Amino acid sequence: MFLSVMAIGIISSGLGFEPLDVLLFAQALNGLILPFVSIMLLVIMNNKNRLGHYVNHWKMNLVGGVIVLVCIFLGVYSIIDAIMSFIS
C-alpha cells in the first residue's frame, strides 16, 4: 500500500501536478466514496441471512440513517469545495 501511494506521488509530481491539487482531487474522490460506503454498511448490517439475530434494531438503523445523511452532506460539501478551489 505504501509503495502504491509513493508511486502515485512520484508519477503525479513527474507529470507536473501541484501537490495541493492532488490532495484536493483525493478529497473530492473521498467525498464521492464515503456516502456509498456508509450506505453499503447500513445495508449489510440489516442482512439477516449473514448476521442472523445480530442485525440492527430500529434504534441502530435510526443512528445509521443519521450517519448516512451526515456522510452524504459531507460528501457533497467536499465535492463543492474541491470544485470551487479548482475554479478560483
N, C-alpha and C. Protein backbone atom coordinates (compact mmCIF):
# COMPACT_ATOMS: atom_id res chain seq x y z
N MET A 1 0.82 -1.18 0.00
CA MET A 1 0.00 0.00 0.00
C MET A 1 0.87 1.25 0.00
N PHE A 2 1.88 1.25 0.88
CA PHE A 2 2.77 2.41 0.97
C PHE A 2 3.47 2.65 -0.36
N LEU A 3 3.90 1.57 -1.01
CA LEU A 3 4.60 1.72 -2.28
C LEU A 3 3.68 2.28 -3.37
N SER A 4 2.41 1.89 -3.35
CA SER A 4 1.48 2.42 -4.35
C SER A 4 1.23 3.90 -4.13
N VAL A 5 1.14 4.32 -2.87
CA VAL A 5 0.97 5.75 -2.58
C VAL A 5 2.21 6.52 -3.03
N MET A 6 3.37 5.97 -2.76
CA MET A 6 4.61 6.62 -3.19
C MET A 6 4.69 6.70 -4.71
N ALA A 7 4.29 5.62 -5.39
CA ALA A 7 4.33 5.61 -6.85
C ALA A 7 3.38 6.66 -7.43
N ILE A 8 2.19 6.75 -6.88
CA ILE A 8 1.24 7.76 -7.36
C ILE A 8 1.80 9.16 -7.13
N GLY A 9 2.42 9.39 -5.97
CA GLY A 9 3.02 10.69 -5.68
C GLY A 9 4.14 11.03 -6.64
N ILE A 10 4.99 10.06 -6.93
CA ILE A 10 6.11 10.29 -7.85
C ILE A 10 5.59 10.55 -9.26
N ILE A 11 4.61 9.77 -9.69
CA ILE A 11 4.07 9.95 -11.05
C ILE A 11 3.38 11.30 -11.18
N SER A 12 2.56 11.67 -10.19
CA SER A 12 1.86 12.95 -10.29
C SER A 12 2.85 14.12 -10.22
N SER A 13 3.90 13.98 -9.44
CA SER A 13 4.92 15.02 -9.38
C SER A 13 5.69 15.10 -10.70
N GLY A 14 5.97 13.94 -11.27
CA GLY A 14 6.67 13.91 -12.55
C GLY A 14 5.86 14.49 -13.70
N LEU A 15 4.55 14.40 -13.60
CA LEU A 15 3.68 14.95 -14.63
C LEU A 15 3.43 16.45 -14.44
N GLY A 16 3.93 17.01 -13.35
CA GLY A 16 3.84 18.45 -13.15
C GLY A 16 2.65 18.92 -12.34
N PHE A 17 1.94 18.01 -11.70
CA PHE A 17 0.81 18.41 -10.87
C PHE A 17 1.32 18.99 -9.55
N GLU A 18 0.64 20.01 -9.08
CA GLU A 18 0.96 20.58 -7.77
C GLU A 18 0.45 19.65 -6.68
N PRO A 19 1.21 19.50 -5.59
CA PRO A 19 0.77 18.60 -4.51
C PRO A 19 -0.59 18.99 -3.93
N LEU A 20 -0.86 20.28 -3.80
CA LEU A 20 -2.14 20.71 -3.26
C LEU A 20 -3.29 20.31 -4.17
N ASP A 21 -3.09 20.39 -5.48
CA ASP A 21 -4.13 19.97 -6.42
C ASP A 21 -4.41 18.48 -6.30
N VAL A 22 -3.36 17.70 -6.12
CA VAL A 22 -3.52 16.25 -5.97
C VAL A 22 -4.29 15.94 -4.68
N LEU A 23 -3.98 16.65 -3.60
CA LEU A 23 -4.69 16.45 -2.34
C LEU A 23 -6.16 16.83 -2.46
N LEU A 24 -6.44 17.92 -3.15
CA LEU A 24 -7.83 18.33 -3.33
C LEU A 24 -8.60 17.33 -4.19
N PHE A 25 -7.92 16.76 -5.18
CA PHE A 25 -8.55 15.73 -6.00
C PHE A 25 -8.85 14.48 -5.17
N ALA A 26 -7.92 14.10 -4.32
CA ALA A 26 -8.14 12.95 -3.44
C ALA A 26 -9.29 13.23 -2.47
N GLN A 27 -9.39 14.45 -2.00
CA GLN A 27 -10.50 14.84 -1.12
C GLN A 27 -11.83 14.71 -1.86
N ALA A 28 -11.87 15.14 -3.10
CA ALA A 28 -13.11 15.03 -3.88
C ALA A 28 -13.48 13.56 -4.10
N LEU A 29 -12.50 12.71 -4.35
CA LEU A 29 -12.79 11.28 -4.51
C LEU A 29 -13.32 10.68 -3.22
N ASN A 30 -12.74 11.06 -2.08
CA ASN A 30 -13.25 10.58 -0.81
C ASN A 30 -14.67 11.05 -0.57
N GLY A 31 -14.96 12.26 -1.02
CA GLY A 31 -16.32 12.78 -0.91
C GLY A 31 -17.31 11.99 -1.72
N LEU A 32 -16.85 11.40 -2.82
CA LEU A 32 -17.73 10.56 -3.64
C LEU A 32 -17.90 9.17 -3.04
N ILE A 33 -16.85 8.63 -2.45
CA ILE A 33 -16.87 7.25 -1.96
C ILE A 33 -17.57 7.12 -0.61
N LEU A 34 -17.39 8.09 0.28
CA LEU A 34 -17.89 7.99 1.65
C LEU A 34 -19.39 7.70 1.75
N PRO A 35 -20.27 8.39 1.02
CA PRO A 35 -21.69 8.06 1.14
C PRO A 35 -22.03 6.63 0.70
N PHE A 36 -21.39 6.16 -0.36
CA PHE A 36 -21.67 4.81 -0.84
C PHE A 36 -21.22 3.76 0.18
N VAL A 37 -20.08 3.98 0.80
CA VAL A 37 -19.58 3.03 1.79
C VAL A 37 -20.51 3.01 3.01
N SER A 38 -20.97 4.17 3.45
CA SER A 38 -21.85 4.20 4.62
C SER A 38 -23.20 3.56 4.32
N ILE A 39 -23.72 3.74 3.11
CA ILE A 39 -24.99 3.11 2.74
C ILE A 39 -24.82 1.60 2.66
N MET A 40 -23.73 1.14 2.05
CA MET A 40 -23.49 -0.30 1.94
C MET A 40 -23.33 -0.93 3.33
N LEU A 41 -22.67 -0.24 4.24
CA LEU A 41 -22.51 -0.75 5.59
C LEU A 41 -23.87 -0.87 6.29
N LEU A 42 -24.73 0.10 6.09
CA LEU A 42 -26.06 0.04 6.69
C LEU A 42 -26.88 -1.11 6.11
N VAL A 43 -26.76 -1.32 4.80
CA VAL A 43 -27.48 -2.43 4.16
C VAL A 43 -26.97 -3.77 4.66
N ILE A 44 -25.66 -3.92 4.76
CA ILE A 44 -25.08 -5.17 5.23
C ILE A 44 -25.47 -5.45 6.68
N MET A 45 -25.52 -4.41 7.49
CA MET A 45 -25.86 -4.60 8.90
C MET A 45 -27.33 -4.96 9.10
N ASN A 46 -28.14 -4.93 8.05
CA ASN A 46 -29.54 -5.34 8.14
C ASN A 46 -29.81 -6.64 7.38
N ASN A 47 -28.78 -7.35 6.97
CA ASN A 47 -28.92 -8.58 6.22
C ASN A 47 -29.04 -9.76 7.20
N LYS A 48 -30.27 -10.28 7.35
CA LYS A 48 -30.50 -11.39 8.29
C LYS A 48 -29.82 -12.68 7.84
N ASN A 49 -29.66 -12.87 6.54
CA ASN A 49 -29.01 -14.09 6.05
C ASN A 49 -27.57 -14.18 6.54
N ARG A 50 -26.89 -13.06 6.61
CA ARG A 50 -25.48 -13.05 7.02
C ARG A 50 -25.30 -12.90 8.52
N LEU A 51 -26.13 -12.08 9.16
CA LEU A 51 -25.89 -11.74 10.55
C LEU A 51 -26.84 -12.41 11.54
N GLY A 52 -27.89 -13.05 11.03
CA GLY A 52 -28.82 -13.74 11.93
C GLY A 52 -29.46 -12.78 12.92
N HIS A 53 -29.36 -13.10 14.20
CA HIS A 53 -30.00 -12.24 15.20
C HIS A 53 -29.14 -11.04 15.59
N TYR A 54 -28.01 -10.84 14.91
CA TYR A 54 -27.16 -9.69 15.18
C TYR A 54 -27.46 -8.49 14.29
N VAL A 55 -28.54 -8.53 13.53
CA VAL A 55 -28.88 -7.41 12.66
C VAL A 55 -29.23 -6.19 13.50
N ASN A 56 -29.20 -5.04 12.87
CA ASN A 56 -29.54 -3.79 13.55
C ASN A 56 -31.00 -3.76 13.97
N HIS A 57 -31.24 -3.14 15.11
CA HIS A 57 -32.61 -2.86 15.53
C HIS A 57 -32.97 -1.47 15.02
N TRP A 58 -34.21 -1.06 15.24
CA TRP A 58 -34.66 0.20 14.67
C TRP A 58 -33.88 1.39 15.24
N LYS A 59 -33.42 1.31 16.48
CA LYS A 59 -32.64 2.42 17.05
C LYS A 59 -31.30 2.57 16.33
N MET A 60 -30.66 1.43 16.09
CA MET A 60 -29.38 1.48 15.38
C MET A 60 -29.56 1.90 13.93
N ASN A 61 -30.68 1.50 13.32
CA ASN A 61 -30.96 1.95 11.95
C ASN A 61 -31.20 3.45 11.92
N LEU A 62 -31.83 3.99 12.95
CA LEU A 62 -32.03 5.44 13.02
C LEU A 62 -30.69 6.15 13.12
N VAL A 63 -29.82 5.66 14.00
CA VAL A 63 -28.49 6.25 14.12
C VAL A 63 -27.72 6.08 12.81
N GLY A 64 -27.82 4.91 12.20
CA GLY A 64 -27.15 4.68 10.92
C GLY A 64 -27.67 5.59 9.83
N GLY A 65 -28.98 5.83 9.82
CA GLY A 65 -29.56 6.74 8.83
C GLY A 65 -29.06 8.16 9.00
N VAL A 66 -28.93 8.60 10.25
CA VAL A 66 -28.38 9.93 10.51
C VAL A 66 -26.93 10.00 10.05
N ILE A 67 -26.18 8.95 10.31
CA ILE A 67 -24.78 8.92 9.88
C ILE A 67 -24.69 8.95 8.36
N VAL A 68 -25.57 8.22 7.68
CA VAL A 68 -25.58 8.24 6.22
C VAL A 68 -25.89 9.64 5.71
N LEU A 69 -26.86 10.31 6.32
CA LEU A 69 -27.19 11.68 5.90
C LEU A 69 -26.02 12.63 6.12
N VAL A 70 -25.33 12.48 7.25
CA VAL A 70 -24.14 13.31 7.51
C VAL A 70 -23.06 13.02 6.47
N CYS A 71 -22.86 11.74 6.13
CA CYS A 71 -21.86 11.37 5.13
C CYS A 71 -22.21 11.95 3.76
N ILE A 72 -23.49 11.91 3.41
CA ILE A 72 -23.92 12.49 2.13
C ILE A 72 -23.67 14.00 2.13
N PHE A 73 -24.03 14.67 3.23
CA PHE A 73 -23.79 16.11 3.34
C PHE A 73 -22.30 16.41 3.22
N LEU A 74 -21.47 15.67 3.94
CA LEU A 74 -20.03 15.91 3.89
C LEU A 74 -19.47 15.61 2.51
N GLY A 75 -19.99 14.58 1.85
CA GLY A 75 -19.53 14.25 0.51
C GLY A 75 -19.86 15.34 -0.49
N VAL A 76 -21.09 15.84 -0.44
CA VAL A 76 -21.50 16.93 -1.35
C VAL A 76 -20.69 18.19 -1.04
N TYR A 77 -20.53 18.49 0.24
CA TYR A 77 -19.74 19.67 0.62
C TYR A 77 -18.29 19.54 0.15
N SER A 78 -17.72 18.34 0.28
CA SER A 78 -16.35 18.11 -0.14
C SER A 78 -16.19 18.31 -1.65
N ILE A 79 -17.15 17.80 -2.40
CA ILE A 79 -17.08 17.94 -3.86
C ILE A 79 -17.22 19.40 -4.26
N ILE A 80 -18.18 20.10 -3.67
CA ILE A 80 -18.38 21.51 -4.00
C ILE A 80 -17.15 22.32 -3.62
N ASP A 81 -16.57 22.04 -2.45
CA ASP A 81 -15.37 22.74 -2.01
C ASP A 81 -14.20 22.49 -2.96
N ALA A 82 -14.03 21.25 -3.39
CA ALA A 82 -12.94 20.93 -4.32
C ALA A 82 -13.14 21.61 -5.66
N ILE A 83 -14.36 21.64 -6.16
CA ILE A 83 -14.64 22.30 -7.44
C ILE A 83 -14.39 23.79 -7.33
N MET A 84 -14.84 24.39 -6.22
CA MET A 84 -14.65 25.84 -6.05
C MET A 84 -13.17 26.18 -5.95
N SER A 85 -12.37 25.33 -5.34
CA SER A 85 -10.94 25.62 -5.23
C SER A 85 -10.25 25.47 -6.58
N PHE A 86 -10.74 24.58 -7.43
CA PHE A 86 -10.17 24.45 -8.77
C PHE A 86 -10.54 25.65 -9.65
N ILE A 87 -11.75 26.17 -9.46
CA ILE A 87 -12.23 27.30 -10.26
C ILE A 87 -11.47 28.57 -9.90
N SER A 88 -11.27 28.79 -8.61
CA SER A 88 -10.62 30.05 -8.19
C SER A 88 -9.13 29.99 -8.21
